[in-house]
Amino acid sequence: MSPLWGHLVGVIILLMMAVFIGIWVWAWLPRHKKTFGWLARLPMEEGKGPLDDSIPATDEEQRR
């Protein structure tokens, strides 16, 4: 293998690490706390699933 290949792999690894850290920082921003809290509680809520009649039908569902 050529030394160029090793440098290319190193750059790709650094880019992947930067993307991972960027996503991690984005997920921990304070403005996402409310949304993530709501999503975390969603499975525990009763009677609010897709089979519940309290969810209004969309226009497309009403046409059927």
Protein backbone atom coordinates (compact mmCIF):
# COMPACT_ATOMS: atom_id res chain seq x y z
CA MET A 1 0.00 0.00 0.00
CA SER A 2 1.17 3.49 -0.76
CA PRO A 3 1.67 6.19 1.89
CA LEU A 4 -0.99 8.25 0.14
CA TRP A 5 -3.58 5.63 1.07
CA GLY A 6 -2.68 5.94 4.76
CA HIS A 7 -3.04 9.73 4.66
CA LEU A 8 -6.37 9.46 2.86
CA VAL A 9 -7.71 7.04 5.47
CA GLY A 10 -6.48 9.35 8.24
CA VAL A 11 -8.31 12.32 6.73
CA ILE A 12 -11.51 10.29 6.35
CA ILE A 13 -11.29 9.19 10.00
CA LEU A 14 -10.81 12.79 11.13
CA LEU A 15 -13.83 13.90 9.07
CA MET A 16 -15.95 11.11 10.55
CA MET A 17 -14.88 12.10 14.07
CA ALA A 18 -15.73 15.75 13.37
CA VAL A 19 -19.19 14.79 12.07
CA PHE A 20 -19.81 12.59 15.12
CA ILE A 21 -18.79 15.35 17.53
CA GLY A 22 -20.88 17.86 15.59
CA ILE A 23 -24.00 15.68 15.82
CA TRP A 24 -23.33 15.06 19.52
CA VAL A 25 -23.03 18.79 20.22
CA TRP A 26 -26.16 19.52 18.15
CA ALA A 27 -28.16 16.92 20.10
CA TRP A 28 -27.13 18.43 23.45
CA LEU A 29 -28.08 22.01 22.59
CA PRO A 30 -30.52 23.43 25.15
CA ARG A 31 -33.13 24.30 22.51
CA HIS A 32 -33.67 20.57 21.81
CA LYS A 33 -34.38 19.63 25.43
CA LYS A 34 -38.14 20.18 25.17
CA THR A 35 -38.50 18.15 21.97
CA PHE A 36 -36.33 15.27 23.18
CA GLY A 37 -38.18 15.22 26.52
CA TRP A 38 -41.49 14.98 24.68
CA LEU A 39 -40.15 12.18 22.46
CA ALA A 40 -38.85 10.29 25.50
CA ARG A 41 -42.28 10.38 27.18
CA LEU A 42 -44.19 9.45 24.03
CA PRO A 43 -44.12 5.63 24.51
CA MET A 44 -45.44 5.98 28.07
CA GLU A 45 -48.56 7.94 27.13
CA GLU A 46 -51.74 5.88 27.00
CA GLY A 47 -54.45 6.13 24.40
CA LYS A 48 -52.61 8.39 22.03
CA GLY A 49 -51.57 5.81 19.47
CA PRO A 50 -52.57 5.59 15.82
CA LEU A 51 -55.61 3.44 16.71
CA ASP A 52 -57.07 6.17 18.91
CA ASP A 53 -60.03 8.10 17.51
CA SER A 54 -58.91 11.35 19.13
CA ILE A 55 -56.44 11.97 16.31
CA PRO A 56 -58.18 13.90 13.54
CA ALA A 57 -58.12 12.35 10.11
CA THR A 58 -56.22 14.06 7.34
CA ASP A 59 -57.94 15.29 4.18
CA GLU A 60 -56.64 12.28 2.29
CA GLU A 61 -58.09 9.85 4.87
CA GLN A 62 -61.46 11.61 4.75
CA ARG A 63 -61.67 11.23 0.96
CA ARG A 64 -61.44 7.41 1.18
